[in-house]
C-alpha atoms as a PDB file:
ATOM      1  CA  UNK A   1     -23.439   6.476   7.425  1.00  0.00           C
ATOM      2  CA  UNK A   2     -25.645   4.287   4.766  1.00  0.00           C
ATOM      3  CA  UNK A   3     -29.154   3.620   4.041  1.00  0.00           C
ATOM      4  CA  UNK A   4     -30.175   7.040   3.325  1.00  0.00           C
ATOM      5  CA  UNK A   5     -30.431   7.331  -0.483  1.00  0.00           C
ATOM      6  CA  UNK A   6     -33.818   6.750  -0.499  1.00  0.00           C
ATOM      7  CA  UNK A   7     -36.500   7.565  -3.515  1.00  0.00           C
ATOM      8  CA  UNK A   8     -40.248   8.296  -2.398  1.00  0.00           C
ATOM      9  CA  UNK A   9     -42.301   5.197  -3.367  1.00  0.00           C
ATOM     10  CA  UNK A  10     -45.571   6.659  -3.111  1.00  0.00           C
ATOM     11  CA  UNK A  11     -44.849   8.679  -6.309  1.00  0.00           C
ATOM     12  CA  UNK A  12     -42.573   5.989  -8.566  1.00  0.00           C
ATOM     13  CA  UNK A  13     -44.399   4.252 -11.227  1.00  0.00           C
ATOM     14  CA  UNK A  14     -44.124   0.557 -10.890  1.00  0.00           C
ATOM     15  CA  UNK A  15     -41.572  -0.003 -13.845  1.00  0.00           C
ATOM     16  CA  UNK A  16     -39.340   2.186 -12.129  1.00  0.00           C
ATOM     17  CA  UNK A  17     -39.163   0.666  -8.485  1.00  0.00           C
ATOM     18  CA  UNK A  18     -39.448  -2.540 -10.594  1.00  0.00           C
ATOM     19  CA  UNK A  19     -35.726  -1.910 -12.229  1.00  0.00           C
ATOM     20  CA  UNK A  20     -34.539  -0.059  -8.687  1.00  0.00           C
ATOM     21  CA  UNK A  21     -35.468  -3.109  -7.007  1.00  0.00           C
ATOM     22  CA  UNK A  22     -33.801  -5.768  -9.993  1.00  0.00           C
ATOM     23  CA  UNK A  23     -30.712  -3.652  -9.405  1.00  0.00           C
ATOM     24  CA  UNK A  24     -30.197  -3.655  -5.482  1.00  0.00           C
ATOM     25  CA  UNK A  25     -30.932  -8.047  -5.634  1.00  0.00           C
ATOM     26  CA  UNK A  26     -28.278  -8.139  -8.725  1.00  0.00           C
ATOM     27  CA  UNK A  27     -26.021  -6.203  -6.597  1.00  0.00           C
ATOM     28  CA  UNK A  28     -26.870  -8.041  -3.697  1.00  0.00           C
ATOM     29  CA  UNK A  29     -26.142 -11.066  -6.469  1.00  0.00           C
ATOM     30  CA  UNK A  30     -23.152 -10.146  -7.688  1.00  0.00           C
ATOM     31  CA  UNK A  31     -21.459  -9.209  -4.248  1.00  0.00           C
ATOM     32  CA  UNK A  32     -22.549 -12.978  -3.364  1.00  0.00           C
ATOM     33  CA  UNK A  33     -20.634 -14.778  -6.041  1.00  0.00           C
ATOM     34  CA  UNK A  34     -17.541 -12.543  -6.518  1.00  0.00           C
ATOM     35  CA  UNK A  35     -16.374 -11.525  -2.892  1.00  0.00           C
ATOM     36  CA  UNK A  36     -18.208 -14.017  -0.535  1.00  0.00           C
ATOM     37  CA  UNK A  37     -21.806 -14.734   0.521  1.00  0.00           C
ATOM     38  CA  UNK A  38     -20.452 -13.161   3.926  1.00  0.00           C
ATOM     39  CA  UNK A  39     -20.652 -10.003   2.118  1.00  0.00           C
ATOM     40  CA  UNK A  40     -23.795  -9.330   1.015  1.00  0.00           C
ATOM     41  CA  UNK A  41     -24.852  -7.868   4.507  1.00  0.00           C
ATOM     42  CA  UNK A  42     -22.933  -5.371   3.995  1.00  0.00           C
ATOM     43  CA  UNK A  43     -25.658  -4.059   0.943  1.00  0.00           C
ATOM     44  CA  UNK A  44     -26.778  -0.679   1.289  1.00  0.00           C
ATOM     45  CA  UNK A  45     -28.715   1.307  -0.697  1.00  0.00           C
ATOM     46  CA  UNK A  46     -26.207   3.567  -1.887  1.00  0.00           C
ATOM     47  CA  UNK A  47     -24.836   0.211  -4.049  1.00  0.00           C
ATOM     48  CA  UNK A  48     -27.781  -0.198  -5.858  1.00  0.00           C
ATOM     49  CA  UNK A  49     -28.334   3.619  -6.736  1.00  0.00           C
ATOM     50  CA  UNK A  50     -24.864   3.770  -7.725  1.00  0.00           C
ATOM     51  CA  UNK A  51     -25.052   0.677 -10.131  1.00  0.00           C
ATOM     52  CA  UNK A  52     -28.000   2.551 -11.858  1.00  0.00           C
ATOM     53  CA  UNK A  53     -26.222   5.618 -12.163  1.00  0.00           C
ATOM     54  CA  UNK A  54     -22.512   4.278 -13.503  1.00  0.00           C
ATOM     55  CA  UNK A  55     -24.869   2.030 -15.792  1.00  0.00           C
ATOM     56  CA  UNK A  56     -26.911   4.687 -17.079  1.00  0.00           C
ATOM     57  CA  UNK A  57     -23.836   6.268 -18.039  1.00  0.00           C
ATOM     58  CA  UNK A  58     -21.896   3.550 -19.443  1.00  0.00           C
ATOM     59  CA  UNK A  59     -23.490   0.554 -20.066  1.00  0.00           C
ATOM     60  CA  UNK A  60     -24.905   0.303 -23.851  1.00  0.00           C
ATOM     61  CA  UNK A  61     -26.402  -2.714 -24.175  1.00  0.00           C
ATOM     62  CA  UNK A  62     -29.595  -4.585 -22.912  1.00  0.00           C
ATOM     63  CA  UNK A  63     -29.711  -5.189 -18.928  1.00  0.00           C
ATOM     64  CA  UNK A  64     -29.842  -9.035 -18.717  1.00  0.00           C
ATOM     65  CA  UNK A  65     -32.501  -9.557 -16.372  1.00  0.00           C
ATOM     66  CA  UNK A  66     -32.634 -12.967 -14.846  1.00  0.00           C
ATOM     67  CA  UNK A  67     -35.052 -14.335 -11.875  1.00  0.00           C
ATOM     68  CA  UNK A  68     -33.664 -16.304  -8.842  1.00  0.00           C
ATOM     69  CA  UNK A  69     -34.360 -16.840  -4.964  1.00  0.00           C
ATOM     70  CA  UNK A  70     -32.266 -15.800  -2.371  1.00  0.00           C
ATOM     71  CA  UNK A  71     -32.581 -16.473   1.780  1.00  0.00           C
ATOM     72  CA  UNK A  72     -34.501 -13.715   2.328  1.00  0.00           C
ATOM     73  CA  UNK A  73     -37.073 -14.570  -0.622  1.00  0.00           C
ATOM     74  CA  UNK A  74     -37.163 -18.167  -0.493  1.00  0.00           C
ATOM     75  CA  UNK A  75     -40.315 -18.959  -1.629  1.00  0.00           C
ATOM     76  CA  UNK A  76     -40.616 -16.772  -4.498  1.00  0.00           C
ATOM     77  CA  UNK A  77     -38.089 -15.915  -7.259  1.00  0.00           C
ATOM     78  CA  UNK A  78     -37.200 -12.378  -8.195  1.00  0.00           C
ATOM     79  CA  UNK A  79     -35.975 -10.646 -10.835  1.00  0.00           C
ATOM     80  CA  UNK A  80     -32.840  -9.543 -10.537  1.00  0.00           C
ATOM     81  CA  UNK A  81     -30.147  -7.456 -13.688  1.00  0.00           C
ATOM     82  CA  UNK A  82     -26.803  -9.547 -14.040  1.00  0.00           C
ATOM     83  CA  UNK A  83     -22.947  -8.784 -13.761  1.00  0.00           C
ATOM     84  CA  UNK A  84     -23.432  -5.141 -15.337  1.00  0.00           C
ATOM     85  CA  UNK A  85     -20.226  -3.026 -15.221  1.00  0.00           C
ATOM     86  CA  UNK A  86     -22.463  -1.008 -12.753  1.00  0.00           C
ATOM     87  CA  UNK A  87     -23.690  -3.876 -10.546  1.00  0.00           C
ATOM     88  CA  UNK A  88     -19.935  -5.220 -10.585  1.00  0.00           C
ATOM     89  CA  UNK A  89     -18.552  -1.478  -9.431  1.00  0.00           C
ATOM     90  CA  UNK A  90     -21.039  -1.297  -6.900  1.00  0.00           C
ATOM     91  CA  UNK A  91     -20.522  -4.558  -5.330  1.00  0.00           C
ATOM     92  CA  UNK A  92     -16.870  -3.928  -4.641  1.00  0.00           C
ATOM     93  CA  UNK A  93     -17.055  -0.507  -3.968  1.00  0.00           C
ATOM     94  CA  UNK A  94     -20.187  -1.055  -1.096  1.00  0.00           C
ATOM     95  CA  UNK A  95     -17.943  -3.851   0.647  1.00  0.00           C
ATOM     96  CA  UNK A  96     -14.332  -1.238   0.811  1.00  0.00           C
ATOM     97  CA  UNK A  97     -17.017   1.336   2.199  1.00  0.00           C
ATOM     98  CA  UNK A  98     -18.893  -0.778   5.150  1.00  0.00           C
ATOM     99  CA  UNK A  99     -16.222  -2.919   5.389  1.00  0.00           C
ATOM    100  CA  UNK A 100     -13.855   0.522   6.269  1.00  0.00           C
ATOM    101  CA  UNK A 101     -16.572   1.500   8.490  1.00  0.00           C
ATOM    102  CA  UNK A 102     -16.956  -1.353  10.526  1.00  0.00           C
ATOM    103  CA  UNK A 103     -13.696  -0.583  11.361  1.00  0.00           C
ATOM    104  CA  UNK A 104     -14.145   2.695  12.593  1.00  0.00           C
ATOM    105  CA  UNK A 105     -16.647   1.095  14.567  1.00  0.00           C
ATOM    106  CA  UNK A 106     -14.287  -1.075  15.859  1.00  0.00           C
ATOM    107  CA  UNK A 107     -11.711   1.670  16.472  1.00  0.00           C
ATOM    108  CA  UNK A 108     -13.975   3.866  18.702  1.00  0.00           C
ATOM    109  CA  UNK A 109     -16.100   1.987  20.337  1.00  0.00           C
ATOM    110  CA  UNK A 110     -14.733  -2.188  20.167  1.00  0.00           C
ATOM    111  CA  UNK A 111     -17.840  -3.443  18.208  1.00  0.00           C
ATOM    112  CA  UNK A 112     -18.310  -6.795  18.761  1.00  0.00           C
ATOM    113  CA  UNK A 113     -20.607  -7.217  16.068  1.00  0.00           C
ATOM    114  CA  UNK A 114     -18.431  -4.682  13.745  1.00  0.00           C
ATOM    115  CA  UNK A 115     -15.677  -6.920  14.530  1.00  0.00           C
ATOM    116  CA  UNK A 116     -17.341 -10.068  13.609  1.00  0.00           C
ATOM    117  CA  UNK A 117     -18.665  -8.258  10.522  1.00  0.00           C
ATOM    118  CA  UNK A 118     -14.541  -7.515   9.196  1.00  0.00           C
ATOM    119  CA  UNK A 119     -13.323 -11.095   9.731  1.00  0.00           C
ATOM    120  CA  UNK A 120     -17.012 -12.521   7.712  1.00  0.00           C
ATOM    121  CA  UNK A 121     -15.527  -9.533   4.680  1.00  0.00           C
ATOM    122  CA  UNK A 122     -12.100 -10.361   4.858  1.00  0.00           C
ATOM    123  CA  UNK A 123     -11.616 -11.863   1.711  1.00  0.00           C
ATOM    124  CA  UNK A 124     -14.225 -10.149  -0.167  1.00  0.00           C
ATOM    125  CA  UNK A 125     -12.391  -7.454   1.128  1.00  0.00           C
ATOM    126  CA  UNK A 126      -9.471  -8.580  -0.312  1.00  0.00           C
ATOM    127  CA  UNK A 127     -10.215  -8.756  -3.574  1.00  0.00           C
ATOM    128  CA  UNK A 128     -12.326  -5.792  -3.814  1.00  0.00           C
ATOM    129  CA  UNK A 129      -9.004  -3.853  -3.298  1.00  0.00           C
ATOM    130  CA  UNK A 130      -6.753  -5.641  -5.457  1.00  0.00           C
ATOM    131  CA  UNK A 131      -9.657  -4.619  -8.193  1.00  0.00           C
ATOM    132  CA  UNK A 132      -9.743  -0.951  -7.418  1.00  0.00           C
ATOM    133  CA  UNK A 133      -6.242  -0.230  -5.241  1.00  0.00           C
ATOM    134  CA  UNK A 134      -6.183   3.112  -5.713  1.00  0.00           C
ATOM    135  CA  UNK A 135      -9.786   4.397  -4.630  1.00  0.00           C
ATOM    136  CA  UNK A 136      -9.100   2.114  -1.847  1.00  0.00           C
ATOM    137  CA  UNK A 137      -6.495   4.027  -0.371  1.00  0.00           C
ATOM    138  CA  UNK A 138      -7.759   7.111  -1.539  1.00  0.00           C
ATOM    139  CA  UNK A 139     -10.990   6.133   0.942  1.00  0.00           C
ATOM    140  CA  UNK A 140      -8.903   4.961   3.438  1.00  0.00           C
ATOM    141  CA  UNK A 141      -6.645   8.380   3.573  1.00  0.00           C
ATOM    142  CA  UNK A 142      -9.927  10.364   4.096  1.00  0.00           C
ATOM    143  CA  UNK A 143     -11.985   8.029   6.188  1.00  0.00           C
ATOM    144  CA  UNK A 144      -8.514   8.331   8.147  1.00  0.00           C
ATOM    145  CA  UNK A 145      -8.714  12.559   7.841  1.00  0.00           C
ATOM    146  CA  UNK A 146     -12.762  12.828   8.868  1.00  0.00           C
ATOM    147  CA  UNK A 147     -10.893  10.180  12.471  1.00  0.00           C
ATOM    148  CA  UNK A 148      -9.155  12.565  12.934  1.00  0.00           C
ATOM    149  CA  UNK A 149     -11.385  15.852  12.437  1.00  0.00           C
ATOM    150  CA  UNK A 150     -13.917  14.026  14.551  1.00  0.00           C
ATOM    151  CA  UNK A 151     -10.822  13.743  17.381  1.00  0.00           C
ATOM    152  CA  UNK A 152     -10.092  17.366  17.137  1.00  0.00           C
ATOM    153  CA  UNK A 153     -13.385  17.930  17.896  1.00  0.00           C
ATOM    154  CA  UNK A 154     -13.928  19.544  14.316  1.00  0.00           C
ATOM    155  CA  UNK A 155     -15.999  22.580  14.081  1.00  0.00           C
ATOM    156  CA  UNK A 156     -16.685  23.796  11.084  1.00  0.00           C
ATOM    157  CA  UNK A 157     -19.826  21.610   8.891  1.00  0.00           C
ATOM    158  CA  UNK A 158     -17.891  22.300   5.542  1.00  0.00           C
ATOM    159  CA  UNK A 159     -14.803  20.522   7.173  1.00  0.00           C
ATOM    160  CA  UNK A 160     -16.731  17.572   8.458  1.00  0.00           C
ATOM    161  CA  UNK A 161     -18.349  16.665   5.492  1.00  0.00           C
ATOM    162  CA  UNK A 162     -15.830  17.120   3.168  1.00  0.00           C
ATOM    163  CA  UNK A 163     -13.995  13.869   3.601  1.00  0.00           C
ATOM    164  CA  UNK A 164     -17.155  11.649   2.597  1.00  0.00           C
ATOM    165  CA  UNK A 165     -17.981  14.497   0.327  1.00  0.00           C
ATOM    166  CA  UNK A 166     -13.950  13.515  -1.586  1.00  0.00           C
ATOM    167  CA  UNK A 167     -14.643   9.496  -0.989  1.00  0.00           C
ATOM    168  CA  UNK A 168     -18.316   9.634  -2.809  1.00  0.00           C
ATOM    169  CA  UNK A 169     -16.980  12.099  -5.415  1.00  0.00           C
ATOM    170  CA  UNK A 170     -14.199   9.573  -6.187  1.00  0.00           C
ATOM    171  CA  UNK A 171     -16.289   6.869  -6.223  1.00  0.00           C
ATOM    172  CA  UNK A 172     -18.601   8.255  -8.685  1.00  0.00           C
ATOM    173  CA  UNK A 173     -16.472   9.705 -11.512  1.00  0.00           C
ATOM    174  CA  UNK A 174     -15.753   5.864 -11.707  1.00  0.00           C
ATOM    175  CA  UNK A 175     -12.281   6.275 -13.641  1.00  0.00           C
ATOM    176  CA  UNK A 176     -11.899   4.346 -17.014  1.00  0.00           C
ATOM    177  CA  UNK A 177     -15.439   3.116 -17.075  1.00  0.00           C
ATOM    178  CA  UNK A 178     -17.608   5.902 -17.989  1.00  0.00           C
ATOM    179  CA  UNK A 179     -17.014   8.533 -20.120  1.00  0.00           C
ATOM    180  CA  UNK A 180     -15.506  11.487 -19.284  1.00  0.00           C
ATOM    181  CA  UNK A 181     -17.922  13.934 -20.892  1.00  0.00           C
ATOM    182  CA  UNK A 182     -20.035  12.814 -17.488  1.00  0.00           C
ATOM    183  CA  UNK A 183     -17.094  13.197 -15.217  1.00  0.00           C
ATOM    184  CA  UNK A 184     -17.256  16.898 -13.555  1.00  0.00           C
ATOM    185  CA  UNK A 185     -21.314  16.520 -13.070  1.00  0.00           C
ATOM    186  CA  UNK A 186     -20.398  12.772 -11.802  1.00  0.00           C
ATOM    187  CA  UNK A 187     -17.369  14.205  -9.810  1.00  0.00           C
ATOM    188  CA  UNK A 188     -19.892  16.928  -8.339  1.00  0.00           C
ATOM    189  CA  UNK A 189     -22.996  14.540  -7.754  1.00  0.00           C
ATOM    190  CA  UNK A 190     -20.953  12.238  -5.429  1.00  0.00           C
ATOM    191  CA  UNK A 191     -19.555  15.156  -3.462  1.00  0.00           C
ATOM    192  CA  UNK A 192     -22.713  17.016  -2.586  1.00  0.00           C
ATOM    193  CA  UNK A 193     -24.280  13.664  -2.118  1.00  0.00           C
ATOM    194  CA  UNK A 194     -21.767  12.698   0.515  1.00  0.00           C
ATOM    195  CA  UNK A 195     -21.468  15.885   2.106  1.00  0.00           C
ATOM    196  CA  UNK A 196     -25.115  15.391   2.630  1.00  0.00           C
ATOM    197  CA  UNK A 197     -24.871  11.547   4.331  1.00  0.00           C
ATOM    198  CA  UNK A 198     -22.627  12.627   6.577  1.00  0.00           C
ATOM    199  CA  UNK A 199     -24.578  15.902   8.063  1.00  0.00           C
ATOM    200  CA  UNK A 200     -28.042  13.902   7.958  1.00  0.00           C
ATOM    201  CA  UNK A 201     -26.092  10.880   9.530  1.00  0.00           C
ATOM    202  CA  UNK A 202     -25.052  13.102  12.129  1.00  0.00           C
ATOM    203  CA  UNK A 203     -28.621  14.850  12.264  1.00  0.00           C
ATOM    204  CA  UNK A 204     -30.072  11.582  12.769  1.00  0.00           C
ATOM    205  CA  UNK A 205     -27.717   9.872  15.611  1.00  0.00           C
ATOM    206  CA  UNK A 206     -27.538  13.076  17.181  1.00  0.00           C
ATOM    207  CA  UNK A 207     -29.640  12.193  20.839  1.00  0.00           C
ATOM    208  CA  UNK A 208     -27.826   9.110  20.837  1.00  0.00           C
ATOM    209  CA  UNK A 209     -24.126   9.995  20.263  1.00  0.00           C
ATOM    210  CA  UNK A 210     -25.215  13.061  23.137  1.00  0.00           C
ATOM    211  CA  UNK A 211     -26.483   9.638  25.447  1.00  0.00           C
ATOM    212  CA  UNK A 212     -23.257   7.886  24.688  1.00  0.00           C
ATOM    213  CA  UNK A 213     -20.379  10.554  24.732  1.00  0.00           C
ATOM    214  CA  UNK A 214     -19.601  10.028  20.865  1.00  0.00           C
ATOM    215  CA  UNK A 215     -18.730  13.537  18.995  1.00  0.00           C
ATOM    216  CA  UNK A 216     -21.315  15.012  16.966  1.00  0.00           C
ATOM    217  CA  UNK A 217     -20.664  18.005  15.003  1.00  0.00           C
ATOM    218  CA  UNK A 218     -24.558  19.112  15.608  1.00  0.00           C
ATOM    219  CA  UNK A 219     -24.106  18.425  19.888  1.00  0.00           C
ATOM    220  CA  UNK A 220     -20.747  20.926  18.950  1.00  0.00           C
ATOM    221  CA  UNK A 221     -22.559  23.449  17.246  1.00  0.00           C
ATOM    222  CA  UNK A 222     -25.535  23.779  18.870  1.00  0.00           C
ATOM    223  CA  UNK A 223     -25.244  22.653  22.242  1.00  0.00           C
ATOM    224  CA  UNK A 224     -29.207  21.922  23.623  1.00  0.00           C
ATOM    225  CA  UNK A 225     -30.584  23.336  21.116  1.00  0.00           C
ATOM    226  CA  UNK A 226     -33.123  21.514  18.346  1.00  0.00           C
ATOM    227  CA  UNK A 227     -31.884  22.442  15.007  1.00  0.00           C
ATOM    228  CA  UNK A 228     -29.740  25.610  13.911  1.00  0.00           C
ATOM    229  CA  UNK A 229     -30.988  27.278  10.205  1.00  0.00           C
ATOM    230  CA  UNK A 230     -27.413  27.672   9.242  1.00  0.00           C
ATOM    231  CA  UNK A 231     -26.778  23.543   8.989  1.00  0.00           C
ATOM    232  CA  UNK A 232     -30.141  23.644   7.877  1.00  0.00           C
ATOM    233  CA  UNK A 233     -28.561  25.517   5.130  1.00  0.00           C
ATOM    234  CA  UNK A 234     -26.205  23.400   3.896  1.00  0.00           C
ATOM    235  CA  UNK A 235     -27.919  19.965   3.911  1.00  0.00           C
ATOM    236  CA  UNK A 236     -30.184  22.095   1.391  1.00  0.00           C
ATOM    237  CA  UNK A 237     -27.876  23.601  -0.693  1.00  0.00           C
ATOM    238  CA  UNK A 238     -26.212  19.927  -0.775  1.00  0.00           C
ATOM    239  CA  UNK A 239     -29.173  18.140  -2.010  1.00  0.00           C
ATOM    240  CA  UNK A 240     -29.706  21.255  -4.690  1.00  0.00           C
ATOM    241  CA  UNK A 241     -26.442  20.906  -6.177  1.00  0.00           C
ATOM    242  CA  UNK A 242     -26.717  16.962  -6.495  1.00  0.00           C
ATOM    243  CA  UNK A 243     -30.040  17.513  -7.989  1.00  0.00           C
ATOM    244  CA  UNK A 244     -28.599  19.471 -10.608  1.00  0.00           C
ATOM    245  CA  UNK A 245     -26.321  17.313 -11.079  1.00  0.00           C
ATOM    246  CA  UNK A 246     -28.356  14.841 -11.666  1.00  0.00           C
ATOM    247  CA  UNK A 247     -30.386  17.147 -14.153  1.00  0.00           C
ATOM    248  CA  UNK A 248     -26.878  17.916 -16.042  1.00  0.00           C
ATOM    249  CA  UNK A 249     -25.848  14.079 -16.378  1.00  0.00           C
ATOM    250  CA  UNK A 250     -28.996  13.022 -17.699  1.00  0.00           C
ATOM    251  CA  UNK A 251     -28.748  16.483 -20.080  1.00  0.00           C
ATOM    252  CA  UNK A 252     -25.598  14.866 -21.489  1.00  0.00           C
ATOM    253  CA  UNK A 253     -27.013  11.447 -22.414  1.00  0.00           C
ATOM    254  CA  UNK A 254     -29.692  13.099 -24.190  1.00  0.00           C
ATOM    255  CA  UNK A 255     -27.256  14.572 -26.843  1.00  0.00           C
ATOM    256  CA  UNK A 256     -26.253  11.174 -27.551  1.00  0.00           C
ATOM    257  CA  UNK A 257     -27.172   8.457 -29.317  1.00  0.00           C
ATOM    258  CA  UNK A 258     -28.003   5.795 -26.806  1.00  0.00           C
ATOM    259  CA  UNK A 259     -31.510   4.468 -26.231  1.00  0.00           C
ATOM    260  CA  UNK A 260     -33.848   6.551 -23.956  1.00  0.00           C
ATOM    261  CA  UNK A 261     -33.986   4.780 -20.562  1.00  0.00           C
ATOM    262  CA  UNK A 262     -37.327   6.428 -18.859  1.00  0.00           C
ATOM    263  CA  UNK A 263     -37.233   4.028 -15.550  1.00  0.00           C
ATOM    264  CA  UNK A 264     -33.682   5.051 -14.624  1.00  0.00           C
ATOM    265  CA  UNK A 265     -34.545   8.651 -15.188  1.00  0.00           C
ATOM    266  CA  UNK A 266     -37.785   8.689 -13.589  1.00  0.00           C
ATOM    267  CA  UNK A 267     -36.671   6.750 -10.462  1.00  0.00           C
ATOM    268  CA  UNK A 268     -33.141   9.473 -10.078  1.00  0.00           C
ATOM    269  CA  UNK A 269     -35.865  12.137 -10.422  1.00  0.00           C
ATOM    270  CA  UNK A 270     -37.626  11.542  -8.052  1.00  0.00           C
ATOM    271  CA  UNK A 271     -34.750  10.286  -5.430  1.00  0.00           C
ATOM    272  CA  UNK A 272     -33.134  13.809  -5.741  1.00  0.00           C
ATOM    273  CA  UNK A 273     -36.271  15.546  -6.485  1.00  0.00           C
ATOM    274  CA  UNK A 274     -38.455  13.835  -3.973  1.00  0.00           C
ATOM    275  CA  UNK A 275     -36.890  11.045  -2.354  1.00  0.00           C
ATOM    276  CA  UNK A 276     -34.036  13.035  -0.492  1.00  0.00           C
ATOM    277  CA  UNK A 277     -35.760  16.122   0.445  1.00  0.00           C
ATOM    278  CA  UNK A 278     -38.349  13.795   2.230  1.00  0.00           C
ATOM    279  CA  UNK A 279     -35.570  12.501   4.191  1.00  0.00           C
ATOM    280  CA  UNK A 280     -34.143  15.458   5.575  1.00  0.00           C
ATOM    281  CA  UNK A 281     -37.230  16.875   6.295  1.00  0.00           C
ATOM    282  CA  UNK A 282     -38.417  13.764   8.145  1.00  0.00           C
ATOM    283  CA  UNK A 283     -35.040  13.711  10.084  1.00  0.00           C
ATOM    284  CA  UNK A 284     -35.220  16.989  10.985  1.00  0.00           C
ATOM    285  CA  UNK A 285     -38.810  16.840  12.407  1.00  0.00           C
ATOM    286  CA  UNK A 286     -37.672  13.904  14.802  1.00  0.00           C
ATOM    287  CA  UNK A 287     -34.703  16.154  16.003  1.00  0.00           C
ATOM    288  CA  UNK A 288     -36.813  18.699  16.640  1.00  0.00           C
ATOM    289  CA  UNK A 289     -39.307  16.167  18.022  1.00  0.00           C
ATOM    290  CA  UNK A 290     -36.312  14.348  20.018  1.00  0.00           C
ATOM    291  CA  UNK A 291     -38.155  11.234  19.407  1.00  0.00           C
ATOM    292  CA  UNK A 292     -36.531   8.298  17.757  1.00  0.00           C
ATOM    293  CA  UNK A 293     -39.212   7.282  15.188  1.00  0.00           C
ATOM    294  CA  UNK A 294     -39.272   8.099  11.419  1.00  0.00           C
ATOM    295  CA  UNK A 295     -42.364   7.385   8.679  1.00  0.00           C
ATOM    296  CA  UNK A 296     -40.219   8.248   6.074  1.00  0.00           C
ATOM    297  CA  UNK A 297     -42.480   5.872   3.175  1.00  0.00           C
ATOM    298  CA  UNK A 298     -39.292   5.401   1.640  1.00  0.00           C
ATOM    299  CA  UNK A 299     -36.604   2.848   0.060  1.00  0.00           C
END
């Protein structure tokens, strides 16, 4: 259910793209330091986006930038942001979501790969749970609800997408870290984004789930039809709501005395206005064609 929160790179400025990459590497480095090196393989695009958004709303200082090498990039030092509030929070949230998703794969499919990942992430997950016990319980409860809906062969798009929307809504609200002036917009943004992620992931996996006999909301509702107009409208609605919420967050920040952050704003404008709609269109086109490959130009 992860890996869809991507900007449209061809229309990003170099500075915007560089800032995103520095956040991505920063979350990865922080996960290794705080949660164990094995946790780094769970890193998602969503975690880097969350870190950027939290710091945009909450961090008042200059973001500390360092350079370093890693296993993926051993030959050249890459710039990365250090342990800002957003990066630390996103690192811990990422391991919780990834581990719980892996646990579902073990329970539903007996996945050996997911079982190995859980063993690797065990200590890191425990540290994250200790840091945010209420959030951990909330995520777990909503994933249990989602699991029950799948077992009951849920036939409502809204009901199916709601639990993960609730999860991201709670995660994006960031209790105690971000000012309450952002809370409503962040919650709505998280809910809309979470619902869209669930639906686009289901659309992306539709053919695979059909072959394996797994539950998929689109196969339940559409049968052999390639796509459905009403289901597409729900995804578009989620994307529009998410973009509107981002614009509201940007408006709220402009009323404060904080320095402008044009690079984050440019990246987020691209993400919500171009990147996510592009991902939606390409996966929808893939579903109509019935093929597996998508050339999406995104990151």
